[in-house]
Structures are given as C-alpha cells and as structure tokens.
Amino acid sequence: MLALRPNCECCDKDLPPDAPDAVICTFECTFCAACAANRLTGGRCPNCSGELVRRPVRPAAMLVKYPASTERVRKPHKECAA
C-alpha cells in the first residue's frame, strides 16, 4: 500500500492525500508536479532516476481505514537548493 507522504521532498509543499499534483516513483519518493517539471533533471526521481508519475488518490472511505503517512521527508538534492 502506498504511504501517501504528506509533502514534496524537494520544496516541502503540503501534498494532502487528494492532491492532484503529487507525483511518485516506484520507491514512493514524493514530489509536487512543479518541482518534477521545473527542478528535477529530466523530470526523473533524483534518488533512483525512476519515472515520476501522478500519485493515485486513495478514496476517502479507505483513508479512514488506511490513513496517509504523517512523516515528512526532505532530502538535500542539488536541484532543490533555493
């Protein structure tokens, strides 16, 4: 089951479970679409070089039983330096 991380690993933007602009790789690294398009080299995950795709939205009823993660993840990627 996807962890549904609550933020962009690059800019720390909040990405709630229903965020239409959240993208992930196969290792569940999570970014906002703006960082993926404008900051990350080739729109690829800076951790694994994997493809970033739109994160699916978990139905509200399932969020009750399987809540999204609350652990915020940030990593010092060179592309994300302000």
PDB file of N, CA and C in Angstrom:
ATOM      1  N   MET A   1       0.841  -1.169   0.000  1.00  0.00           N
ATOM      2  CA  MET A   1       0.000   0.000   0.000  1.00  0.00           C
ATOM      3  C   MET A   1       0.894   1.242   0.000  1.00  0.00           C
ATOM      4  N   LEU A   2       0.544   2.224  -0.778  1.00  0.00           N
ATOM      5  CA  LEU A   2       1.313   3.461  -0.841  1.00  0.00           C
ATOM      6  C   LEU A   2       1.252   4.211   0.484  1.00  0.00           C
ATOM      7  N   ALA A   3       2.370   4.807   0.865  1.00  0.00           N
ATOM      8  CA  ALA A   3       2.433   5.556   2.116  1.00  0.00           C
ATOM      9  C   ALA A   3       1.700   6.892   2.026  1.00  0.00           C
ATOM     10  N   LEU A   4       1.553   7.449   0.843  1.00  0.00           N
ATOM     11  CA  LEU A   4       0.944   8.770   0.637  1.00  0.00           C
ATOM     12  C   LEU A   4       1.613   9.811   1.530  1.00  0.00           C
ATOM     13  N   ARG A   5       2.874  10.066   1.250  1.00  0.00           N
ATOM     14  CA  ARG A   5       3.646  11.036   2.033  1.00  0.00           C
ATOM     15  C   ARG A   5       3.022  12.416   1.929  1.00  0.00           C
ATOM     16  N   PRO A   6       3.126  13.210   2.999  1.00  0.00           N
ATOM     17  CA  PRO A   6       2.388  14.465   3.085  1.00  0.00           C
ATOM     18  C   PRO A   6       3.045  15.698   2.471  1.00  0.00           C
ATOM     19  N   ASN A   7       4.233  15.535   1.858  1.00  0.00           N
ATOM     20  CA  ASN A   7       4.912  16.734   1.364  1.00  0.00           C
ATOM     21  C   ASN A   7       5.817  16.415   0.177  1.00  0.00           C
ATOM     22  N   CYS A   8       6.199  17.483  -0.510  1.00  0.00           N
ATOM     23  CA  CYS A   8       7.168  17.371  -1.597  1.00  0.00           C
ATOM     24  C   CYS A   8       8.551  17.263  -0.975  1.00  0.00           C
ATOM     25  N   GLU A   9       9.287  16.270  -1.381  1.00  0.00           N
ATOM     26  CA  GLU A   9      10.632  16.029  -0.854  1.00  0.00           C
ATOM     27  C   GLU A   9      11.594  17.151  -1.240  1.00  0.00           C
ATOM     28  N   CYS A  10      11.252  17.908  -2.263  1.00  0.00           N
ATOM     29  CA  CYS A  10      12.115  18.968  -2.774  1.00  0.00           C
ATOM     30  C   CYS A  10      11.804  20.324  -2.122  1.00  0.00           C
ATOM     31  N   CYS A  11      10.575  20.812  -2.233  1.00  0.00           N
ATOM     32  CA  CYS A  11      10.222  22.153  -1.743  1.00  0.00           C
ATOM     33  C   CYS A  11       9.411  22.146  -0.453  1.00  0.00           C
ATOM     34  N   ASP A  12       9.033  20.989   0.026  1.00  0.00           N
ATOM     35  CA  ASP A  12       8.260  20.804   1.259  1.00  0.00           C
ATOM     36  C   ASP A  12       6.810  21.283   1.149  1.00  0.00           C
ATOM     37  N   LYS A  13       6.317  21.456  -0.054  1.00  0.00           N
ATOM     38  CA  LYS A  13       4.914  21.827  -0.244  1.00  0.00           C
ATOM     39  C   LYS A  13       4.028  20.733   0.342  1.00  0.00           C
ATOM     40  N   ASP A  14       2.949  21.125   1.006  1.00  0.00           N
ATOM     41  CA  ASP A  14       1.986  20.153   1.514  1.00  0.00           C
ATOM     42  C   ASP A  14       1.302  19.442   0.356  1.00  0.00           C
ATOM     43  N   LEU A  15       1.224  18.124   0.457  1.00  0.00           N
ATOM     44  CA  LEU A  15       0.555  17.306  -0.559  1.00  0.00           C
ATOM     45  C   LEU A  15      -0.417  16.369   0.157  1.00  0.00           C
ATOM     46  N   PRO A  16      -1.629  16.856   0.430  1.00  0.00           N
ATOM     47  CA  PRO A  16      -2.611  16.008   1.108  1.00  0.00           C
ATOM     48  C   PRO A  16      -2.946  14.779   0.259  1.00  0.00           C
ATOM     49  N   PRO A  17      -3.574  13.785   0.852  1.00  0.00           N
ATOM     50  CA  PRO A  17      -3.860  12.538   0.130  1.00  0.00           C
ATOM     51  C   PRO A  17      -4.599  12.713  -1.197  1.00  0.00           C
ATOM     52  N   ASP A  18      -5.380  13.792  -1.319  1.00  0.00           N
ATOM     53  CA  ASP A  18      -6.138  14.005  -2.551  1.00  0.00           C
ATOM     54  C   ASP A  18      -5.486  15.032  -3.487  1.00  0.00           C
ATOM     55  N   ALA A  19      -4.214  15.343  -3.245  1.00  0.00           N
ATOM     56  CA  ALA A  19      -3.527  16.348  -4.072  1.00  0.00           C
ATOM     57  C   ALA A  19      -3.423  15.873  -5.519  1.00  0.00           C
ATOM     58  N   PRO A  20      -3.942  16.660  -6.458  1.00  0.00           N
ATOM     59  CA  PRO A  20      -3.882  16.256  -7.863  1.00  0.00           C
ATOM     60  C   PRO A  20      -2.497  16.461  -8.480  1.00  0.00           C
ATOM     61  N   ASP A  21      -1.619  17.196  -7.774  1.00  0.00           N
ATOM     62  CA  ASP A  21      -0.300  17.493  -8.329  1.00  0.00           C
ATOM     63  C   ASP A  21       0.837  16.722  -7.653  1.00  0.00           C
ATOM     64  N   ALA A  22       0.531  15.658  -6.927  1.00  0.00           N
ATOM     65  CA  ALA A  22       1.567  14.829  -6.313  1.00  0.00           C
ATOM     66  C   ALA A  22       2.038  13.783  -7.316  1.00  0.00           C
ATOM     67  N   VAL A  23       3.362  13.621  -7.411  1.00  0.00           N
ATOM     68  CA  VAL A  23       3.936  12.592  -8.273  1.00  0.00           C
ATOM     69  C   VAL A  23       4.869  11.720  -7.440  1.00  0.00           C
ATOM     70  N   ILE A  24       4.994  10.436  -7.840  1.00  0.00           N
ATOM     71  CA  ILE A  24       5.831   9.486  -7.112  1.00  0.00           C
ATOM     72  C   ILE A  24       6.625   8.618  -8.073  1.00  0.00           C
ATOM     73  N   CYS A  25       7.670   7.997  -7.532  1.00  0.00           N
ATOM     74  CA  CYS A  25       8.421   6.990  -8.287  1.00  0.00           C
ATOM     75  C   CYS A  25       8.054   5.622  -7.705  1.00  0.00           C
ATOM     76  N   THR A  26       8.679   4.577  -8.176  1.00  0.00           N
ATOM     77  CA  THR A  26       8.336   3.234  -7.685  1.00  0.00           C
ATOM     78  C   THR A  26       8.766   3.001  -6.250  1.00  0.00           C
ATOM     79  N   PHE A  27       9.642   3.858  -5.706  1.00  0.00           N
ATOM     80  CA  PHE A  27      10.050   3.743  -4.312  1.00  0.00           C
ATOM     81  C   PHE A  27       9.256   4.694  -3.417  1.00  0.00           C
ATOM     82  N   GLU A  28       8.215   5.308  -3.969  1.00  0.00           N
ATOM     83  CA  GLU A  28       7.307   6.213  -3.269  1.00  0.00           C
ATOM     84  C   GLU A  28       7.937   7.546  -2.884  1.00  0.00           C
ATOM     85  N   CYS A  29       9.070   7.892  -3.499  1.00  0.00           N
ATOM     86  CA  CYS A  29       9.604   9.237  -3.305  1.00  0.00           C
ATOM     87  C   CYS A  29       8.530  10.168  -3.856  1.00  0.00           C
ATOM     88  N   THR A  30       8.234  11.229  -3.143  1.00  0.00           N
ATOM     89  CA  THR A  30       7.090  12.070  -3.475  1.00  0.00           C
ATOM     90  C   THR A  30       7.522  13.505  -3.746  1.00  0.00           C
ATOM     91  N   PHE A  31       7.012  14.067  -4.837  1.00  0.00           N
ATOM     92  CA  PHE A  31       7.332  15.431  -5.239  1.00  0.00           C
ATOM     93  C   PHE A  31       6.063  16.107  -5.748  1.00  0.00           C
ATOM     94  N   CYS A  32       6.070  17.441  -5.759  1.00  0.00           N
ATOM     95  CA  CYS A  32       4.955  18.152  -6.392  1.00  0.00           C
ATOM     96  C   CYS A  32       5.260  18.203  -7.890  1.00  0.00           C
ATOM     97  N   ALA A  33       4.231  18.355  -8.677  1.00  0.00           N
ATOM     98  CA  ALA A  33       4.392  18.368 -10.131  1.00  0.00           C
ATOM     99  C   ALA A  33       5.279  19.519 -10.596  1.00  0.00           C
ATOM    100  N   ALA A  34       5.214  20.667  -9.904  1.00  0.00           N
ATOM    101  CA  ALA A  34       6.029  21.817 -10.294  1.00  0.00           C
ATOM    102  C   ALA A  34       7.520  21.514 -10.133  1.00  0.00           C
ATOM    103  N   CYS A  35       7.907  20.917  -9.023  1.00  0.00           N
ATOM    104  CA  CYS A  35       9.322  20.557  -8.829  1.00  0.00           C
ATOM    105  C   CYS A  35       9.746  19.497  -9.838  1.00  0.00           C
ATOM    106  N   ALA A  36       8.893  18.524 -10.079  1.00  0.00           N
ATOM    107  CA  ALA A  36       9.217  17.464 -11.046  1.00  0.00           C
ATOM    108  C   ALA A  36       9.455  18.051 -12.433  1.00  0.00           C
ATOM    109  N   ALA A  37       8.647  19.022 -12.814  1.00  0.00           N
ATOM    110  CA  ALA A  37       8.741  19.604 -14.153  1.00  0.00           C
ATOM    111  C   ALA A  37       9.853  20.644 -14.267  1.00  0.00           C
ATOM    112  N   ASN A  38      10.085  21.416 -13.197  1.00  0.00           N
ATOM    113  CA  ASN A  38      10.971  22.575 -13.305  1.00  0.00           C
ATOM    114  C   ASN A  38      12.314  22.454 -12.597  1.00  0.00           C
ATOM    115  N   ARG A  39      12.432  21.542 -11.644  1.00  0.00           N
ATOM    116  CA  ARG A  39      13.674  21.460 -10.877  1.00  0.00           C
ATOM    117  C   ARG A  39      14.437  20.151 -11.082  1.00  0.00           C
ATOM    118  N   LEU A  40      13.723  19.062 -11.227  1.00  0.00           N
ATOM    119  CA  LEU A  40      14.382  17.759 -11.283  1.00  0.00           C
ATOM    120  C   LEU A  40      14.832  17.431 -12.697  1.00  0.00           C
ATOM    121  N   THR A  41      16.061  17.017 -12.838  1.00  0.00           N
ATOM    122  CA  THR A  41      16.657  16.726 -14.138  1.00  0.00           C
ATOM    123  C   THR A  41      15.835  15.701 -14.908  1.00  0.00           C
ATOM    124  N   GLY A  42      15.323  16.138 -16.031  1.00  0.00           N
ATOM    125  CA  GLY A  42      14.545  15.246 -16.897  1.00  0.00           C
ATOM    126  C   GLY A  42      13.251  14.776 -16.281  1.00  0.00           C
ATOM    127  N   GLY A  43      12.783  15.436 -15.203  1.00  0.00           N
ATOM    128  CA  GLY A  43      11.549  15.009 -14.543  1.00  0.00           C
ATOM    129  C   GLY A  43      11.666  13.626 -13.924  1.00  0.00           C
ATOM    130  N   ARG A  44      12.896  13.215 -13.578  1.00  0.00           N
ATOM    131  CA  ARG A  44      13.153  11.888 -13.001  1.00  0.00           C
ATOM    132  C   ARG A  44      13.400  12.031 -11.503  1.00  0.00           C
ATOM    133  N   CYS A  45      13.193  10.955 -10.788  1.00  0.00           N
ATOM    134  CA  CYS A  45      13.449  10.927  -9.352  1.00  0.00           C
ATOM    135  C   CYS A  45      14.949  11.107  -9.100  1.00  0.00           C
ATOM    136  N   PRO A  46      15.345  12.068  -8.259  1.00  0.00           N
ATOM    137  CA  PRO A  46      16.767  12.272  -8.001  1.00  0.00           C
ATOM    138  C   PRO A  46      17.374  11.180  -7.117  1.00  0.00           C
ATOM    139  N   ASN A  47      16.555  10.354  -6.508  1.00  0.00           N
ATOM    140  CA  ASN A  47      17.048   9.264  -5.659  1.00  0.00           C
ATOM    141  C   ASN A  47      17.393   8.015  -6.463  1.00  0.00           C
ATOM    142  N   CYS A  48      16.489   7.633  -7.371  1.00  0.00           N
ATOM    143  CA  CYS A  48      16.659   6.366  -8.083  1.00  0.00           C
ATOM    144  C   CYS A  48      16.672   6.512  -9.603  1.00  0.00           C
ATOM    145  N   SER A  49      16.473   7.724 -10.093  1.00  0.00           N
ATOM    146  CA  SER A  49      16.384   8.028 -11.531  1.00  0.00           C
ATOM    147  C   SER A  49      15.135   7.432 -12.175  1.00  0.00           C
ATOM    148  N   GLY A  50      14.202   6.991 -11.343  1.00  0.00           N
ATOM    149  CA  GLY A  50      12.973   6.398 -11.842  1.00  0.00           C
ATOM    150  C   GLY A  50      11.985   7.412 -12.386  1.00  0.00           C
ATOM    151  N   GLU A  51      11.054   6.897 -13.125  1.00  0.00           N
ATOM    152  CA  GLU A  51       9.986   7.707 -13.711  1.00  0.00           C
ATOM    153  C   GLU A  51       9.078   8.251 -12.604  1.00  0.00           C
ATOM    154  N   LEU A  52       8.702   9.508 -12.708  1.00  0.00           N
ATOM    155  CA  LEU A  52       7.743  10.103 -11.781  1.00  0.00           C
ATOM    156  C   LEU A  52       6.381  10.125 -12.459  1.00  0.00           C
ATOM    157  N   VAL A  53       5.382   9.591 -11.784  1.00  0.00           N
ATOM    158  CA  VAL A  53       4.024   9.522 -12.318  1.00  0.00           C
ATOM    159  C   VAL A  53       3.053  10.101 -11.296  1.00  0.00           C
ATOM    160  N   ARG A  54       1.880  10.476 -11.768  1.00  0.00           N
ATOM    161  CA  ARG A  54       0.865  11.027 -10.872  1.00  0.00           C
ATOM    162  C   ARG A  54       0.528  10.011  -9.784  1.00  0.00           C
ATOM    163  N   ARG A  55       0.508  10.503  -8.532  1.00  0.00           N
ATOM    164  CA  ARG A  55       0.167   9.629  -7.416  1.00  0.00           C
ATOM    165  C   ARG A  55      -1.347   9.424  -7.399  1.00  0.00           C
ATOM    166  N   PRO A  56      -1.799   8.183  -7.279  1.00  0.00           N
ATOM    167  CA  PRO A  56      -3.244   7.957  -7.242  1.00  0.00           C
ATOM    168  C   PRO A  56      -3.858   8.506  -5.954  1.00  0.00           C
ATOM    169  N   VAL A  57      -5.128   8.819  -6.033  1.00  0.00           N
ATOM    170  CA  VAL A  57      -5.863   9.335  -4.877  1.00  0.00           C
ATOM    171  C   VAL A  57      -6.571   8.170  -4.191  1.00  0.00           C
ATOM    172  N   ARG A  58      -6.335   8.027  -2.904  1.00  0.00           N
ATOM    173  CA  ARG A  58      -6.999   6.972  -2.141  1.00  0.00           C
ATOM    174  C   ARG A  58      -8.417   7.460  -1.799  1.00  0.00           C
ATOM    175  N   PRO A  59      -9.439   6.657  -2.038  1.00  0.00           N
ATOM    176  CA  PRO A  59     -10.807   7.063  -1.715  1.00  0.00           C
ATOM    177  C   PRO A  59     -10.942   7.425  -0.236  1.00  0.00           C
ATOM    178  N   ALA A  60     -11.742   8.432   0.057  1.00  0.00           N
ATOM    179  CA  ALA A  60     -11.916   8.933   1.425  1.00  0.00           C
ATOM    180  C   ALA A  60     -12.281   7.820   2.406  1.00  0.00           C
ATOM    181  N   ALA A  61     -13.142   6.907   2.000  1.00  0.00           N
ATOM    182  CA  ALA A  61     -13.552   5.819   2.894  1.00  0.00           C
ATOM    183  C   ALA A  61     -12.364   4.929   3.254  1.00  0.00           C
ATOM    184  N   MET A  62     -11.446   4.761   2.341  1.00  0.00           N
ATOM    185  CA  MET A  62     -10.265   3.933   2.603  1.00  0.00           C
ATOM    186  C   MET A  62      -9.225   4.668   3.447  1.00  0.00           C
ATOM    187  N   LEU A  63      -9.237   6.021   3.386  1.00  0.00           N
ATOM    188  CA  LEU A  63      -8.319   6.793   4.220  1.00  0.00           C
ATOM    189  C   LEU A  63      -8.603   6.606   5.700  1.00  0.00           C
ATOM    190  N   VAL A  64      -9.860   6.345   6.029  1.00  0.00           N
ATOM    191  CA  VAL A  64     -10.222   6.113   7.425  1.00  0.00           C
ATOM    192  C   VAL A  64      -9.552   4.830   7.915  1.00  0.00           C
ATOM    193  N   LYS A  65      -9.620   3.810   7.116  1.00  0.00           N
ATOM    194  CA  LYS A  65      -9.048   2.520   7.500  1.00  0.00           C
ATOM    195  C   LYS A  65      -7.533   2.476   7.275  1.00  0.00           C
ATOM    196  N   TYR A  66      -7.072   3.118   6.216  1.00  0.00           N
ATOM    197  CA  TYR A  66      -5.657   3.126   5.845  1.00  0.00           C
ATOM    198  C   TYR A  66      -5.192   4.575   5.671  1.00  0.00           C
ATOM    199  N   PRO A  67      -4.905   5.261   6.772  1.00  0.00           N
ATOM    200  CA  PRO A  67      -4.562   6.687   6.690  1.00  0.00           C
ATOM    201  C   PRO A  67      -3.237   6.944   5.978  1.00  0.00           C
ATOM    202  N   ALA A  68      -3.121   8.156   5.465  1.00  0.00           N
ATOM    203  CA  ALA A  68      -1.890   8.585   4.812  1.00  0.00           C
ATOM    204  C   ALA A  68      -0.793   8.759   5.853  1.00  0.00           C
ATOM    205  N   SER A  69       0.436   8.708   5.412  1.00  0.00           N
ATOM    206  CA  SER A  69       1.580   8.917   6.297  1.00  0.00           C
ATOM    207  C   SER A  69       1.600  10.361   6.791  1.00  0.00           C
ATOM    208  N   THR A  70       2.128  10.567   7.981  1.00  0.00           N
ATOM    209  CA  THR A  70       2.317  11.919   8.516  1.00  0.00           C
ATOM    210  C   THR A  70       3.804  12.271   8.585  1.00  0.00           C
ATOM    211  N   GLU A  71       4.650  11.337   8.183  1.00  0.00           N
ATOM    212  CA  GLU A  71       6.096  11.561   8.231  1.00  0.00           C
ATOM    213  C   GLU A  71       6.550  12.382   7.031  1.00  0.00           C
ATOM    214  N   ARG A  72       7.066  13.568   7.312  1.00  0.00           N
ATOM    215  CA  ARG A  72       7.563  14.438   6.253  1.00  0.00           C
ATOM    216  C   ARG A  72       8.980  14.011   5.879  1.00  0.00           C
ATOM    217  N   VAL A  73       9.250  13.951   4.581  1.00  0.00           N
ATOM    218  CA  VAL A  73      10.563  13.542   4.076  1.00  0.00           C
ATOM    219  C   VAL A  73      11.146  14.698   3.275  1.00  0.00           C
ATOM    220  N   ARG A  74      12.363  15.095   3.615  1.00  0.00           N
ATOM    221  CA  ARG A  74      13.107  16.117   2.850  1.00  0.00           C
ATOM    222  C   ARG A  74      14.494  15.573   2.617  1.00  0.00           C
ATOM    223  N   LYS A  75      15.035  15.811   1.432  1.00  0.00           N
ATOM    224  CA  LYS A  75      16.394  15.379   1.128  1.00  0.00           C
ATOM    225  C   LYS A  75      17.120  16.524   0.421  1.00  0.00           C
ATOM    226  N   PRO A  76      18.403  16.658   0.682  1.00  0.00           N
ATOM    227  CA  PRO A  76      19.174  17.784   0.126  1.00  0.00           C
ATOM    228  C   PRO A  76      19.635  17.573  -1.314  1.00  0.00           C
ATOM    229  N   HIS A  77      18.710  17.461  -2.235  1.00  0.00           N
ATOM    230  CA  HIS A  77      19.067  17.297  -3.636  1.00  0.00           C
ATOM    231  C   HIS A  77      19.596  18.625  -4.187  1.00  0.00           C
ATOM    232  N   LYS A  78      20.640  18.568  -4.979  1.00  0.00           N
ATOM    233  CA  LYS A  78      21.218  19.802  -5.525  1.00  0.00           C
ATOM    234  C   LYS A  78      20.197  20.591  -6.344  1.00  0.00           C
ATOM    235  N   GLU A  79      19.305  19.894  -7.036  1.00  0.00           N
ATOM    236  CA  GLU A  79      18.285  20.567  -7.854  1.00  0.00           C
ATOM    237  C   GLU A  79      17.278  21.337  -6.997  1.00  0.00           C
ATOM    238  N   CYS A  80      17.157  20.984  -5.740  1.00  0.00           N
ATOM    239  CA  CYS A  80      16.144  21.584  -4.875  1.00  0.00           C
ATOM    240  C   CYS A  80      16.671  22.757  -4.066  1.00  0.00           C
ATOM    241  N   ALA A  81      17.957  23.039  -4.159  1.00  0.00           N
ATOM    242  CA  ALA A  81      18.517  24.160  -3.415  1.00  0.00           C
ATOM    243  C   ALA A  81      17.872  25.461  -3.889  1.00  0.00           C
ATOM    244  N   ALA A  82      17.461  26.241  -2.933  1.00  0.00           N
ATOM    245  CA  ALA A  82      16.754  27.501  -3.279  1.00  0.00           C
ATOM    246  C   ALA A  82      17.704  28.569  -3.760  1.00  0.00           C
TER     247      ALA A  82
END
